[in-house]
Amino acid sequence: KDANAPQAVAKGSIPRAARCGLVAVSSAIAESATFPIDFAKTRMQLHVGRQSFYTALATALRQEGVGAVYAGLPPAVMRHVVYSSLRISFYEDFREVFTRYT
């Protein structure tokens, strides 16, 4: 057999590198979509008195711009990508071990 030939993949199985890549992309998309929600939640917690979600987000957008809302996105995406990739990979590996030996 050729050592450089692609390995056959069992039906329903995704290679680890592809799985990590898919998890990384989906994590980045999810974090990007939900980041403004977390931003507004934090602003609501820091605000003295009661403030609605929409008021917190609209005030920040109006006074500081879109860049302020997404200022902390890169570290949040990196954290989420690493965490999710490890979590899914370990889950799949442990599931395979436990299903094989039980």
C-alpha atoms as a PDB file:
ATOM      1  CA  LYS A   1       0.000   0.000   0.000  1.00  0.00           C
ATOM      2  CA  ASP A   2       0.999   3.579  -0.649  1.00  0.00           C
ATOM      3  CA  ALA A   3       1.853   5.359   2.632  1.00  0.00           C
ATOM      4  CA  ASN A   4       0.587   8.660   1.227  1.00  0.00           C
ATOM      5  CA  ALA A   5      -2.770   7.262   0.076  1.00  0.00           C
ATOM      6  CA  PRO A   6      -5.788   8.636   1.919  1.00  0.00           C
ATOM      7  CA  GLN A   7      -7.040   6.446   4.728  1.00  0.00           C
ATOM      8  CA  ALA A   8     -10.462   4.886   4.439  1.00  0.00           C
ATOM      9  CA  VAL A   9     -12.944   6.446   6.824  1.00  0.00           C
ATOM     10  CA  ALA A  10     -15.538   4.312   8.556  1.00  0.00           C
ATOM     11  CA  LYS A  11     -19.113   5.146   7.686  1.00  0.00           C
ATOM     12  CA  GLY A  12     -20.385   7.911   9.971  1.00  0.00           C
ATOM     13  CA  SER A  13     -16.896   8.789  11.182  1.00  0.00           C
ATOM     14  CA  ILE A  14     -15.178  12.104  10.514  1.00  0.00           C
ATOM     15  CA  PRO A  15     -11.385  12.362  10.730  1.00  0.00           C
ATOM     16  CA  ARG A  16     -10.166  14.175  13.853  1.00  0.00           C
ATOM     17  CA  ALA A  17      -8.621  17.087  11.924  1.00  0.00           C
ATOM     18  CA  ALA A  18     -11.795  17.645   9.910  1.00  0.00           C
ATOM     19  CA  ARG A  19     -13.912  17.387  13.059  1.00  0.00           C
ATOM     20  CA  CYS A  20     -11.752  19.992  14.818  1.00  0.00           C
ATOM     21  CA  GLY A  21     -11.942  22.267  11.788  1.00  0.00           C
ATOM     22  CA  LEU A  22     -15.720  21.990  11.591  1.00  0.00           C
ATOM     23  CA  VAL A  23     -16.056  22.617  15.318  1.00  0.00           C
ATOM     24  CA  ALA A  24     -13.746  25.645  15.062  1.00  0.00           C
ATOM     25  CA  VAL A  25     -15.756  27.194  12.228  1.00  0.00           C
ATOM     26  CA  SER A  26     -19.111  26.544  13.879  1.00  0.00           C
ATOM     27  CA  SER A  27     -17.812  27.882  17.212  1.00  0.00           C
ATOM     28  CA  ALA A  28     -16.552  31.070  15.582  1.00  0.00           C
ATOM     29  CA  ILE A  29     -19.899  31.613  13.840  1.00  0.00           C
ATOM     30  CA  ALA A  30     -21.871  30.943  17.028  1.00  0.00           C
ATOM     31  CA  GLU A  31     -19.693  33.245  19.130  1.00  0.00           C
ATOM     32  CA  SER A  32     -19.890  36.011  16.521  1.00  0.00           C
ATOM     33  CA  ALA A  33     -23.675  35.755  16.401  1.00  0.00           C
ATOM     34  CA  THR A  34     -24.177  35.710  20.167  1.00  0.00           C
ATOM     35  CA  PHE A  35     -21.446  38.161  21.183  1.00  0.00           C
ATOM     36  CA  PRO A  36     -23.699  41.254  21.074  1.00  0.00           C
ATOM     37  CA  ILE A  37     -26.070  39.485  23.492  1.00  0.00           C
ATOM     38  CA  ASP A  38     -23.238  38.898  25.962  1.00  0.00           C
ATOM     39  CA  PHE A  39     -22.041  42.482  25.447  1.00  0.00           C
ATOM     40  CA  ALA A  40     -25.502  43.881  26.253  1.00  0.00           C
ATOM     41  CA  LYS A  41     -25.826  41.577  29.277  1.00  0.00           C
ATOM     42  CA  THR A  42     -22.543  42.873  30.661  1.00  0.00           C
ATOM     43  CA  ARG A  43     -23.614  46.477  30.075  1.00  0.00           C
ATOM     44  CA  MET A  44     -26.888  45.786  31.882  1.00  0.00           C
ATOM     45  CA  GLN A  45     -24.977  44.346  34.851  1.00  0.00           C
ATOM     46  CA  LEU A  46     -22.675  47.378  35.028  1.00  0.00           C
ATOM     47  CA  HIS A  47     -25.489  49.916  34.727  1.00  0.00           C
ATOM     48  CA  VAL A  48     -26.791  51.447  37.957  1.00  0.00           C
ATOM     49  CA  GLY A  49     -30.534  50.885  38.076  1.00  0.00           C
ATOM     50  CA  ARG A  50     -32.653  48.895  35.659  1.00  0.00           C
ATOM     51  CA  GLN A  51     -31.930  48.908  31.948  1.00  0.00           C
ATOM     52  CA  SER A  52     -33.477  46.719  29.256  1.00  0.00           C
ATOM     53  CA  PHE A  53     -31.471  44.590  26.871  1.00  0.00           C
ATOM     54  CA  TYR A  54     -32.496  46.707  23.892  1.00  0.00           C
ATOM     55  CA  THR A  55     -31.720  49.975  25.667  1.00  0.00           C
ATOM     56  CA  ALA A  56     -28.258  48.756  26.668  1.00  0.00           C
ATOM     57  CA  LEU A  57     -27.430  47.601  23.150  1.00  0.00           C
ATOM     58  CA  ALA A  58     -28.953  50.615  21.379  1.00  0.00           C
ATOM     59  CA  THR A  59     -27.187  53.078  23.692  1.00  0.00           C
ATOM     60  CA  ALA A  60     -23.822  51.399  23.120  1.00  0.00           C
ATOM     61  CA  LEU A  61     -24.335  51.312  19.347  1.00  0.00           C
ATOM     62  CA  ARG A  62     -25.426  54.942  19.224  1.00  0.00           C
ATOM     63  CA  GLN A  63     -22.723  56.327  21.541  1.00  0.00           C
ATOM     64  CA  GLU A  64     -19.783  54.029  20.772  1.00  0.00           C
ATOM     65  CA  GLY A  65     -20.527  52.370  17.437  1.00  0.00           C
ATOM     66  CA  VAL A  66     -20.493  48.808  16.174  1.00  0.00           C
ATOM     67  CA  GLY A  67     -16.748  48.514  16.795  1.00  0.00           C
ATOM     68  CA  ALA A  68     -17.293  48.852  20.540  1.00  0.00           C
ATOM     69  CA  VAL A  69     -19.815  46.025  20.557  1.00  0.00           C
ATOM     70  CA  TYR A  70     -17.396  43.673  18.792  1.00  0.00           C
ATOM     71  CA  ALA A  71     -14.169  44.944  20.431  1.00  0.00           C
ATOM     72  CA  GLY A  72     -13.726  41.820  22.564  1.00  0.00           C
ATOM     73  CA  LEU A  73     -14.702  39.340  19.873  1.00  0.00           C
ATOM     74  CA  PRO A  74     -11.255  37.950  18.872  1.00  0.00           C
ATOM     75  CA  PRO A  75     -10.304  36.628  22.331  1.00  0.00           C
ATOM     76  CA  ALA A  76     -13.833  35.311  22.860  1.00  0.00           C
ATOM     77  CA  VAL A  77     -13.701  33.436  19.548  1.00  0.00           C
ATOM     78  CA  MET A  78     -10.281  31.965  20.355  1.00  0.00           C
ATOM     79  CA  ARG A  79     -11.481  30.789  23.774  1.00  0.00           C
ATOM     80  CA  HIS A  80     -14.612  29.275  22.308  1.00  0.00           C
ATOM     81  CA  VAL A  81     -12.770  27.565  19.423  1.00  0.00           C
ATOM     82  CA  VAL A  82     -10.199  25.946  21.731  1.00  0.00           C
ATOM     83  CA  TYR A  83     -12.760  24.959  24.357  1.00  0.00           C
ATOM     84  CA  SER A  84     -15.280  23.536  21.898  1.00  0.00           C
ATOM     85  CA  SER A  85     -12.691  21.697  19.807  1.00  0.00           C
ATOM     86  CA  LEU A  86     -11.245  19.991  22.857  1.00  0.00           C
ATOM     87  CA  ARG A  87     -14.651  19.218  24.336  1.00  0.00           C
ATOM     88  CA  ILE A  88     -16.038  17.663  21.155  1.00  0.00           C
ATOM     89  CA  SER A  89     -12.832  15.751  20.383  1.00  0.00           C
ATOM     90  CA  PHE A  90     -12.595  14.283  23.881  1.00  0.00           C
ATOM     91  CA  TYR A  91     -16.292  13.445  23.844  1.00  0.00           C
ATOM     92  CA  GLU A  92     -15.989  11.592  20.529  1.00  0.00           C
ATOM     93  CA  ASP A  93     -12.827   9.755  21.631  1.00  0.00           C
ATOM     94  CA  PHE A  94     -14.314   8.683  24.959  1.00  0.00           C
ATOM     95  CA  ARG A  95     -17.583   7.686  23.313  1.00  0.00           C
ATOM     96  CA  GLU A  96     -15.680   5.492  20.871  1.00  0.00           C
ATOM     97  CA  VAL A  97     -13.705   3.837  23.678  1.00  0.00           C
ATOM     98  CA  PHE A  98     -16.754   3.241  25.844  1.00  0.00           C
ATOM     99  CA  THR A  99     -18.896   1.886  23.000  1.00  0.00           C
ATOM    100  CA  ARG A 100     -16.098  -0.409  21.869  1.00  0.00           C
ATOM    101  CA  TYR A 101     -15.478  -1.940  25.306  1.00  0.00           C
ATOM    102  CA  THR A 102     -18.954  -2.032  26.788  1.00  0.00           C
END
